[in-house]
Amino acid sequence: MDGKISLVIIEDDDSLREEIVFVLEAEGFEVTAAENGREGLRLIEESPPDIICCDIMLPGMDGYQVLKELSSSSRYVDIPFIFITARSDLQQVRYGMTLGADDYVTKPFSHNDLLSAIRTRLKKRQIRTTQEPSPPPPRANIELNLLTPREQQVLTYIMSGCTSKEIAERLSISKRTVDKHRQNILAKLEIRSIAQLLSAARLPTDQK
């Protein structure tokens, strides 16, 4: 990838946060850090990074709330989100993943553990941007100008009958991201359901 990869680290433990920043900057990343969720959101809103690493247990706004807040905006749904957690309880880990986290590292972790998680996300992101498939054109003249290029891609797969999981696999993005795009498509086109979307998108019978 060209240029430095930017990361936002949200961690309330001062010594751990400083250590993470030191290690990542030594690896050539551009890093900004916050000690709480609110500050982290501010940094992300000011300059959306390439990756977010966020502790779960934070004062005021915990990591789950940070992820929920980011998931409410289409501006951030394509940014990989990695949880940093001291919890070994698999139920807590699963909860974070159901919210849309892309990966997690469990404290105490080695520098290699964190770097491996970050590089895995970067690799998937690079594959997505350089080897993105060309989906078929939409089957109807609906108002595509209302949709972003990514939403148009998701729409074509929806119209082809693909599930969110299948679309995520084909575009190398998370299911959370696909579901968010589906919601945005319905909202922008003022359609209540996928079934209604498919009905509205059906070509007139006199067209081939």
C-alpha atoms as a PDB file:
ATOM      1  CA  MET A   1       0.000   0.000   0.000  1.00  0.00           C
ATOM      2  CA  ASP A   2       1.115   3.527  -0.747  1.00  0.00           C
ATOM      3  CA  GLY A   3       1.804   5.864   2.156  1.00  0.00           C
ATOM      4  CA  LYS A   4       1.549   5.136   5.837  1.00  0.00           C
ATOM      5  CA  ILE A   5      -1.280   3.063   7.237  1.00  0.00           C
ATOM      6  CA  SER A   6      -3.153   5.028   9.893  1.00  0.00           C
ATOM      7  CA  LEU A   7      -4.484   3.536  13.107  1.00  0.00           C
ATOM      8  CA  VAL A   8      -6.496   4.823  16.033  1.00  0.00           C
ATOM      9  CA  ILE A   9      -5.778   3.091  19.344  1.00  0.00           C
ATOM     10  CA  ILE A  10      -8.340   3.414  22.160  1.00  0.00           C
ATOM     11  CA  GLU A  11      -6.904   2.117  25.445  1.00  0.00           C
ATOM     12  CA  ASP A  12      -7.262   3.523  28.974  1.00  0.00           C
ATOM     13  CA  ASP A  13      -4.157   1.846  30.405  1.00  0.00           C
ATOM     14  CA  ASP A  14      -1.481   4.526  29.975  1.00  0.00           C
ATOM     15  CA  SER A  15       1.528   2.211  29.919  1.00  0.00           C
ATOM     16  CA  LEU A  16      -0.073  -0.276  27.521  1.00  0.00           C
ATOM     17  CA  ARG A  17      -1.318   2.495  25.238  1.00  0.00           C
ATOM     18  CA  GLU A  18       2.137   4.062  25.075  1.00  0.00           C
ATOM     19  CA  GLU A  19       3.721   0.666  24.414  1.00  0.00           C
ATOM     20  CA  ILE A  20       1.290  -0.082  21.579  1.00  0.00           C
ATOM     21  CA  VAL A  21       1.918   3.310  19.988  1.00  0.00           C
ATOM     22  CA  PHE A  22       5.693   2.843  20.261  1.00  0.00           C
ATOM     23  CA  VAL A  23       5.606  -0.620  18.668  1.00  0.00           C
ATOM     24  CA  LEU A  24       3.299   0.379  15.814  1.00  0.00           C
ATOM     25  CA  GLU A  25       5.193   3.564  15.009  1.00  0.00           C
ATOM     26  CA  ALA A  26       8.404   1.541  14.949  1.00  0.00           C
ATOM     27  CA  GLU A  27       6.741  -0.675  12.334  1.00  0.00           C
ATOM     28  CA  GLY A  28       5.995   2.356  10.173  1.00  0.00           C
ATOM     29  CA  PHE A  29       2.357   2.957  11.030  1.00  0.00           C
ATOM     30  CA  GLU A  30       0.858   6.380  11.645  1.00  0.00           C
ATOM     31  CA  VAL A  31      -0.775   6.161  15.065  1.00  0.00           C
ATOM     32  CA  THR A  32      -3.075   8.372  17.124  1.00  0.00           C
ATOM     33  CA  ALA A  33      -4.291   7.252  20.530  1.00  0.00           C
ATOM     34  CA  ALA A  34      -7.082   8.000  22.975  1.00  0.00           C
ATOM     35  CA  GLU A  35      -7.605   7.046  26.603  1.00  0.00           C
ATOM     36  CA  ASN A  36     -11.397   6.747  26.410  1.00  0.00           C
ATOM     37  CA  GLY A  37     -14.189   6.029  23.950  1.00  0.00           C
ATOM     38  CA  ARG A  38     -15.396   9.602  23.517  1.00  0.00           C
ATOM     39  CA  GLU A  39     -11.916  10.861  22.675  1.00  0.00           C
ATOM     40  CA  GLY A  40     -11.434   7.920  20.329  1.00  0.00           C
ATOM     41  CA  LEU A  41     -14.628   8.743  18.449  1.00  0.00           C
ATOM     42  CA  ARG A  42     -13.507  12.351  18.123  1.00  0.00           C
ATOM     43  CA  LEU A  43     -10.199  11.264  16.568  1.00  0.00           C
ATOM     44  CA  ILE A  44     -11.972   8.887  14.185  1.00  0.00           C
ATOM     45  CA  GLU A  45     -14.480  11.542  13.111  1.00  0.00           C
ATOM     46  CA  GLU A  46     -11.711  14.090  12.502  1.00  0.00           C
ATOM     47  CA  SER A  47      -9.681  11.717  10.341  1.00  0.00           C
ATOM     48  CA  PRO A  48     -11.059   8.206   9.661  1.00  0.00           C
ATOM     49  CA  PRO A  49      -8.149   5.747   9.975  1.00  0.00           C
ATOM     50  CA  ASP A  50      -7.378   2.566   8.082  1.00  0.00           C
ATOM     51  CA  ILE A  51      -7.817   0.415  11.209  1.00  0.00           C
ATOM     52  CA  ILE A  52      -9.236   0.859  14.723  1.00  0.00           C
ATOM     53  CA  CYS A  53      -7.943  -1.044  17.767  1.00  0.00           C
ATOM     54  CA  CYS A  54     -10.153  -0.558  20.803  1.00  0.00           C
ATOM     55  CA  ASP A  55     -10.173  -1.884  24.354  1.00  0.00           C
ATOM     56  CA  ILE A  56     -13.507  -3.278  25.558  1.00  0.00           C
ATOM     57  CA  MET A  57     -13.357  -2.064  29.158  1.00  0.00           C
ATOM     58  CA  LEU A  58     -13.162   1.731  28.997  1.00  0.00           C
ATOM     59  CA  PRO A  59     -14.352   4.474  31.371  1.00  0.00           C
ATOM     60  CA  GLY A  60     -17.636   6.119  30.433  1.00  0.00           C
ATOM     61  CA  MET A  61     -18.170   4.619  26.983  1.00  0.00           C
ATOM     62  CA  ASP A  62     -16.970   1.025  26.611  1.00  0.00           C
ATOM     63  CA  GLY A  63     -15.681  -0.569  23.435  1.00  0.00           C
ATOM     64  CA  TYR A  64     -19.033  -2.107  22.575  1.00  0.00           C
ATOM     65  CA  GLN A  65     -20.638   1.335  22.613  1.00  0.00           C
ATOM     66  CA  VAL A  66     -17.837   2.739  20.456  1.00  0.00           C
ATOM     67  CA  LEU A  67     -18.440   0.034  17.848  1.00  0.00           C
ATOM     68  CA  LYS A  68     -22.214   0.564  17.934  1.00  0.00           C
ATOM     69  CA  GLU A  69     -21.737   4.298  17.426  1.00  0.00           C
ATOM     70  CA  LEU A  70     -19.441   3.752  14.442  1.00  0.00           C
ATOM     71  CA  SER A  71     -21.777   1.153  12.950  1.00  0.00           C
ATOM     72  CA  SER A  72     -24.573   3.735  12.836  1.00  0.00           C
ATOM     73  CA  SER A  73     -22.739   5.655  10.093  1.00  0.00           C
ATOM     74  CA  SER A  74     -21.906   4.351   6.615  1.00  0.00           C
ATOM     75  CA  ARG A  75     -18.749   6.492   6.749  1.00  0.00           C
ATOM     76  CA  TYR A  76     -17.020   3.977   9.023  1.00  0.00           C
ATOM     77  CA  VAL A  77     -18.443   0.561   8.136  1.00  0.00           C
ATOM     78  CA  ASP A  78     -15.491  -0.359   5.892  1.00  0.00           C
ATOM     79  CA  ILE A  79     -12.878   0.359   8.588  1.00  0.00           C
ATOM     80  CA  PRO A  80     -11.600  -2.874  10.213  1.00  0.00           C
ATOM     81  CA  PHE A  81     -12.300  -2.895  13.959  1.00  0.00           C
ATOM     82  CA  ILE A  82     -10.119  -4.963  16.301  1.00  0.00           C
ATOM     83  CA  PHE A  83     -11.069  -5.425  19.946  1.00  0.00           C
ATOM     84  CA  ILE A  84      -8.399  -5.461  22.642  1.00  0.00           C
ATOM     85  CA  THR A  85      -9.732  -7.367  25.624  1.00  0.00           C
ATOM     86  CA  ALA A  86      -8.575  -8.760  28.940  1.00  0.00           C
ATOM     87  CA  ARG A  87     -11.562 -11.074  29.015  1.00  0.00           C
ATOM     88  CA  SER A  88     -10.986 -14.729  28.226  1.00  0.00           C
ATOM     89  CA  ASP A  89     -14.720 -15.471  28.394  1.00  0.00           C
ATOM     90  CA  LEU A  90     -15.710 -16.718  24.951  1.00  0.00           C
ATOM     91  CA  GLN A  91     -19.229 -15.397  25.418  1.00  0.00           C
ATOM     92  CA  GLN A  92     -17.883 -11.841  25.665  1.00  0.00           C
ATOM     93  CA  VAL A  93     -15.716 -12.389  22.597  1.00  0.00           C
ATOM     94  CA  ARG A  94     -18.677 -13.734  20.627  1.00  0.00           C
ATOM     95  CA  TYR A  95     -20.765 -10.736  21.656  1.00  0.00           C
ATOM     96  CA  GLY A  96     -18.126  -8.393  20.286  1.00  0.00           C
ATOM     97  CA  MET A  97     -18.046 -10.292  17.006  1.00  0.00           C
ATOM     98  CA  THR A  98     -21.841 -10.213  16.671  1.00  0.00           C
ATOM     99  CA  LEU A  99     -21.645  -6.430  16.949  1.00  0.00           C
ATOM    100  CA  GLY A 100     -19.388  -6.464  13.918  1.00  0.00           C
ATOM    101  CA  ALA A 101     -15.820  -6.585  15.253  1.00  0.00           C
ATOM    102  CA  ASP A 102     -13.453  -7.952  12.607  1.00  0.00           C
ATOM    103  CA  ASP A 103     -10.935  -9.481  15.021  1.00  0.00           C
ATOM    104  CA  TYR A 104      -9.716  -9.391  18.615  1.00  0.00           C
ATOM    105  CA  VAL A 105      -6.544  -9.830  20.645  1.00  0.00           C
ATOM    106  CA  THR A 106      -6.632 -10.957  24.254  1.00  0.00           C
ATOM    107  CA  LYS A 107      -4.479  -9.412  26.975  1.00  0.00           C
ATOM    108  CA  PRO A 108      -1.754 -10.150  27.733  1.00  0.00           C
ATOM    109  CA  PHE A 109      -0.679 -10.296  24.096  1.00  0.00           C
ATOM    110  CA  SER A 110       2.699 -10.159  22.394  1.00  0.00           C
ATOM    111  CA  HIS A 111       3.689  -7.514  19.903  1.00  0.00           C
ATOM    112  CA  ASN A 112       3.541 -10.187  17.208  1.00  0.00           C
ATOM    113  CA  ASP A 113      -0.048 -11.071  18.167  1.00  0.00           C
ATOM    114  CA  LEU A 114      -1.186  -7.499  17.638  1.00  0.00           C
ATOM    115  CA  LEU A 115       0.846  -6.987  14.469  1.00  0.00           C
ATOM    116  CA  SER A 116      -0.459 -10.251  13.030  1.00  0.00           C
ATOM    117  CA  ALA A 117      -4.084  -9.217  13.622  1.00  0.00           C
ATOM    118  CA  ILE A 118      -3.480  -5.819  12.027  1.00  0.00           C
ATOM    119  CA  ARG A 119      -1.624  -7.225   9.022  1.00  0.00           C
ATOM    120  CA  THR A 120      -4.320  -9.836   8.440  1.00  0.00           C
ATOM    121  CA  ARG A 121      -6.924  -7.072   8.263  1.00  0.00           C
ATOM    122  CA  LEU A 122      -4.678  -5.036   5.944  1.00  0.00           C
ATOM    123  CA  LYS A 123      -4.194  -8.009   3.644  1.00  0.00           C
ATOM    124  CA  LYS A 124      -7.942  -8.572   3.361  1.00  0.00           C
ATOM    125  CA  ARG A 125      -8.453  -4.869   2.733  1.00  0.00           C
ATOM    126  CA  GLN A 126      -5.826  -4.868  -0.016  1.00  0.00           C
ATOM    127  CA  ILE A 127      -7.367  -7.907  -1.703  1.00  0.00           C
ATOM    128  CA  ARG A 128     -10.741  -6.191  -1.590  1.00  0.00           C
ATOM    129  CA  THR A 129      -9.480  -3.030  -3.287  1.00  0.00           C
ATOM    130  CA  THR A 130      -7.203  -4.636  -5.893  1.00  0.00           C
ATOM    131  CA  GLN A 131      -9.122  -7.778  -6.827  1.00  0.00           C
ATOM    132  CA  GLU A 132     -12.698  -6.661  -6.408  1.00  0.00           C
ATOM    133  CA  PRO A 133     -15.019  -8.599  -8.705  1.00  0.00           C
ATOM    134  CA  SER A 134     -17.102  -6.828 -11.330  1.00  0.00           C
ATOM    135  CA  PRO A 135     -20.744  -7.578 -10.514  1.00  0.00           C
ATOM    136  CA  PRO A 136     -23.409  -7.690 -13.210  1.00  0.00           C
ATOM    137  CA  PRO A 137     -25.221  -4.431 -14.056  1.00  0.00           C
ATOM    138  CA  PRO A 138     -28.489  -3.688 -12.235  1.00  0.00           C
ATOM    139  CA  ARG A 139     -31.569  -5.184 -13.866  1.00  0.00           C
ATOM    140  CA  ALA A 140     -33.642  -2.049 -13.556  1.00  0.00           C
ATOM    141  CA  ASN A 141     -33.475   1.676 -13.944  1.00  0.00           C
ATOM    142  CA  ILE A 142     -33.770   2.555 -10.259  1.00  0.00           C
ATOM    143  CA  GLU A 143     -32.156   5.695  -8.866  1.00  0.00           C
ATOM    144  CA  LEU A 144     -28.567   4.476  -8.593  1.00  0.00           C
ATOM    145  CA  ASN A 145     -27.278   8.022  -8.265  1.00  0.00           C
ATOM    146  CA  LEU A 146     -28.547   7.950  -4.686  1.00  0.00           C
ATOM    147  CA  LEU A 147     -26.201   5.080  -3.840  1.00  0.00           C
ATOM    148  CA  THR A 148     -22.454   4.997  -3.268  1.00  0.00           C
ATOM    149  CA  PRO A 149     -20.361   2.776  -5.601  1.00  0.00           C
ATOM    150  CA  ARG A 150     -20.090   0.138  -2.858  1.00  0.00           C
ATOM    151  CA  GLU A 151     -23.843   0.196  -2.240  1.00  0.00           C
ATOM    152  CA  GLN A 152     -24.409  -0.269  -5.970  1.00  0.00           C
ATOM    153  CA  GLN A 153     -22.172  -3.336  -5.894  1.00  0.00           C
ATOM    154  CA  VAL A 154     -24.029  -4.785  -2.922  1.00  0.00           C
ATOM    155  CA  LEU A 155     -27.323  -4.055  -4.659  1.00  0.00           C
ATOM    156  CA  THR A 156     -26.357  -6.036  -7.754  1.00  0.00           C
ATOM    157  CA  TYR A 157     -25.531  -9.056  -5.611  1.00  0.00           C
ATOM    158  CA  ILE A 158     -28.786  -8.705  -3.680  1.00  0.00           C
ATOM    159  CA  MET A 159     -30.637  -8.663  -6.980  1.00  0.00           C
ATOM    160  CA  SER A 160     -28.773 -11.818  -7.978  1.00  0.00           C
ATOM    161  CA  GLY A 161     -30.157 -13.558  -4.894  1.00  0.00           C
ATOM    162  CA  CYS A 162     -26.981 -13.590  -2.774  1.00  0.00           C
ATOM    163  CA  THR A 163     -27.197 -13.652   1.019  1.00  0.00           C
ATOM    164  CA  SER A 164     -25.305 -11.152   3.199  1.00  0.00           C
ATOM    165  CA  LYS A 165     -22.743 -13.851   4.008  1.00  0.00           C
ATOM    166  CA  GLU A 166     -22.195 -14.650   0.326  1.00  0.00           C
ATOM    167  CA  ILE A 167     -21.845 -10.963  -0.553  1.00  0.00           C
ATOM    168  CA  ALA A 168     -19.338 -10.488   2.281  1.00  0.00           C
ATOM    169  CA  GLU A 169     -17.242 -13.386   0.980  1.00  0.00           C
ATOM    170  CA  ARG A 170     -17.319 -12.149  -2.626  1.00  0.00           C
ATOM    171  CA  LEU A 171     -16.360  -8.585  -1.718  1.00  0.00           C
ATOM    172  CA  SER A 172     -13.964  -9.566   1.116  1.00  0.00           C
ATOM    173  CA  ILE A 173     -15.792  -7.421   3.659  1.00  0.00           C
ATOM    174  CA  SER A 174     -17.510  -8.270   6.936  1.00  0.00           C
ATOM    175  CA  LYS A 175     -21.142  -9.345   7.139  1.00  0.00           C
ATOM    176  CA  ARG A 176     -21.664  -6.324   9.418  1.00  0.00           C
ATOM    177  CA  THR A 177     -20.579  -4.067   6.569  1.00  0.00           C
ATOM    178  CA  VAL A 178     -22.900  -5.796   4.102  1.00  0.00           C
ATOM    179  CA  ASP A 179     -25.867  -5.535   6.482  1.00  0.00           C
ATOM    180  CA  LYS A 180     -25.177  -1.836   6.967  1.00  0.00           C
ATOM    181  CA  HIS A 181     -25.057  -1.289   3.212  1.00  0.00           C
ATOM    182  CA  ARG A 182     -28.371  -3.150   2.848  1.00  0.00           C
ATOM    183  CA  GLN A 183     -29.950  -0.849   5.430  1.00  0.00           C
ATOM    184  CA  ASN A 184     -28.590   2.229   3.654  1.00  0.00           C
ATOM    185  CA  ILE A 185     -29.867   1.023   0.278  1.00  0.00           C
ATOM    186  CA  LEU A 186     -33.390   0.502   1.606  1.00  0.00           C
ATOM    187  CA  ALA A 187     -33.372   3.870   3.383  1.00  0.00           C
ATOM    188  CA  LYS A 188     -32.064   5.838   0.396  1.00  0.00           C
ATOM    189  CA  LEU A 189     -34.485   4.197  -2.031  1.00  0.00           C
ATOM    190  CA  GLU A 190     -37.331   4.563   0.504  1.00  0.00           C
ATOM    191  CA  ILE A 191     -38.100   0.856   0.339  1.00  0.00           C
ATOM    192  CA  ARG A 192     -39.110  -1.176   3.382  1.00  0.00           C
ATOM    193  CA  SER A 193     -37.829  -4.638   2.497  1.00  0.00           C
ATOM    194  CA  ILE A 194     -35.580  -6.566   0.124  1.00  0.00           C
ATOM    195  CA  ALA A 195     -38.674  -8.221  -1.357  1.00  0.00           C
ATOM    196  CA  GLN A 196     -40.095  -4.802  -2.195  1.00  0.00           C
ATOM    197  CA  LEU A 197     -36.732  -3.794  -3.634  1.00  0.00           C
ATOM    198  CA  LEU A 198     -36.645  -6.820  -5.937  1.00  0.00           C
ATOM    199  CA  SER A 199     -40.209  -6.145  -7.043  1.00  0.00           C
ATOM    200  CA  ALA A 200     -39.445  -2.495  -7.774  1.00  0.00           C
ATOM    201  CA  ALA A 201     -36.280  -3.475  -9.637  1.00  0.00           C
ATOM    202  CA  ARG A 202     -37.948  -6.001 -11.932  1.00  0.00           C
ATOM    203  CA  LEU A 203     -37.668  -5.123 -15.604  1.00  0.00           C
ATOM    204  CA  PRO A 204     -40.877  -4.411 -17.522  1.00  0.00           C
ATOM    205  CA  THR A 205     -42.066  -7.453 -19.468  1.00  0.00           C
ATOM    206  CA  ASP A 206     -41.538  -5.731 -22.824  1.00  0.00           C
ATOM    207  CA  GLN A 207     -37.794  -5.296 -22.120  1.00  0.00           C
ATOM    208  CA  LYS A 208     -35.224  -7.982 -22.863  1.00  0.00           C
END
